Amino acid sequence: MIAPQKQGEIRGEDLLGGKLEAEFSLITAEEAEQNPVGKAREAPQPLDEPKFD
């Protein structure tokens, strides 16, 4: 991760800085086999078509 820098500190270039937050869960191989990714989810619910007057 790049820390925010002041203008001109590195070769006179502005750097983009930011923050990333993430959460991870470790599970056993058995749990992964019982609940494959995407299989337990419901189908997406699409939006209604827009109405143009």
C-alpha atoms as a PDB file:
ATOM      1  CA  MET A   1       0.000   0.000   0.000  1.00  0.00           C
ATOM      2  CA  ILE A   2       1.282   3.447  -0.869  1.00  0.00           C
ATOM      3  CA  ALA A   3       1.109   5.979   1.933  1.00  0.00           C
ATOM      4  CA  PRO A   4      -0.137   9.464   1.021  1.00  0.00           C
ATOM      5  CA  GLN A   5       2.754  11.720   0.020  1.00  0.00           C
ATOM      6  CA  LYS A   6       3.185  15.446  -0.300  1.00  0.00           C
ATOM      7  CA  GLN A   7       3.511  16.850  -3.784  1.00  0.00           C
ATOM      8  CA  GLY A   8       7.064  16.685  -5.051  1.00  0.00           C
ATOM      9  CA  GLU A   9       8.408  14.220  -2.467  1.00  0.00           C
ATOM     10  CA  ILE A  10       9.114  11.517  -5.029  1.00  0.00           C
ATOM     11  CA  ARG A  11      10.434  12.687  -8.438  1.00  0.00           C
ATOM     12  CA  GLY A  12       8.039  15.615  -8.433  1.00  0.00           C
ATOM     13  CA  GLU A  13       5.021  13.391  -9.069  1.00  0.00           C
ATOM     14  CA  ASP A  14       1.734  13.321  -7.194  1.00  0.00           C
ATOM     15  CA  LEU A  15       0.914   9.904  -5.764  1.00  0.00           C
ATOM     16  CA  LEU A  16      -2.501   8.417  -5.217  1.00  0.00           C
ATOM     17  CA  GLY A  17      -2.978   7.247  -1.646  1.00  0.00           C
ATOM     18  CA  GLY A  18      -5.876   5.437  -0.099  1.00  0.00           C
ATOM     19  CA  LYS A  19      -7.172   2.919   2.369  1.00  0.00           C
ATOM     20  CA  LEU A  20      -8.443  -0.591   1.797  1.00  0.00           C
ATOM     21  CA  GLU A  21     -10.470  -2.559   4.311  1.00  0.00           C
ATOM     22  CA  ALA A  22     -11.047  -6.282   3.832  1.00  0.00           C
ATOM     23  CA  GLU A  23     -12.391  -9.158   5.881  1.00  0.00           C
ATOM     24  CA  PHE A  24     -11.501 -12.790   5.299  1.00  0.00           C
ATOM     25  CA  SER A  25     -12.872 -15.988   6.816  1.00  0.00           C
ATOM     26  CA  LEU A  26     -10.834 -19.171   6.895  1.00  0.00           C
ATOM     27  CA  ILE A  27     -12.850 -22.377   6.669  1.00  0.00           C
ATOM     28  CA  THR A  28     -12.016 -26.058   6.476  1.00  0.00           C
ATOM     29  CA  ALA A  29     -12.007 -28.007   3.209  1.00  0.00           C
ATOM     30  CA  GLU A  30     -15.139 -29.851   4.381  1.00  0.00           C
ATOM     31  CA  GLU A  31     -17.028 -26.581   4.878  1.00  0.00           C
ATOM     32  CA  ALA A  32     -15.911 -25.386   1.445  1.00  0.00           C
ATOM     33  CA  GLU A  33     -17.162 -28.592  -0.205  1.00  0.00           C
ATOM     34  CA  GLN A  34     -20.511 -28.384   1.599  1.00  0.00           C
ATOM     35  CA  ASN A  35     -21.101 -24.738   0.623  1.00  0.00           C
ATOM     36  CA  PRO A  36     -19.545 -24.034  -2.797  1.00  0.00           C
ATOM     37  CA  VAL A  37     -19.275 -20.372  -3.704  1.00  0.00           C
ATOM     38  CA  GLY A  38     -22.410 -19.079  -5.399  1.00  0.00           C
ATOM     39  CA  LYS A  39     -24.470 -22.262  -4.941  1.00  0.00           C
ATOM     40  CA  ALA A  40     -26.320 -21.122  -1.806  1.00  0.00           C
ATOM     41  CA  ARG A  41     -27.322 -17.781  -3.255  1.00  0.00           C
ATOM     42  CA  GLU A  42     -30.720 -16.949  -4.693  1.00  0.00           C
ATOM     43  CA  ALA A  43     -31.111 -15.844  -8.285  1.00  0.00           C
ATOM     44  CA  PRO A  44     -30.693 -12.094  -8.877  1.00  0.00           C
ATOM     45  CA  GLN A  45     -33.843  -9.994  -8.868  1.00  0.00           C
ATOM     46  CA  PRO A  46     -33.751  -7.735 -11.934  1.00  0.00           C
ATOM     47  CA  LEU A  47     -35.175  -4.221 -11.872  1.00  0.00           C
ATOM     48  CA  ASP A  48     -38.415  -3.407 -13.688  1.00  0.00           C
ATOM     49  CA  GLU A  49     -38.005  -1.988 -17.172  1.00  0.00           C
ATOM     50  CA  PRO A  50     -37.995   1.835 -17.199  1.00  0.00           C
ATOM     51  CA  LYS A  51     -41.238   3.515 -18.276  1.00  0.00           C
ATOM     52  CA  PHE A  52     -40.911   6.286 -20.833  1.00  0.00           C
ATOM     53  CA  ASP A  53     -43.893   8.604 -21.252  1.00  0.00           C
END
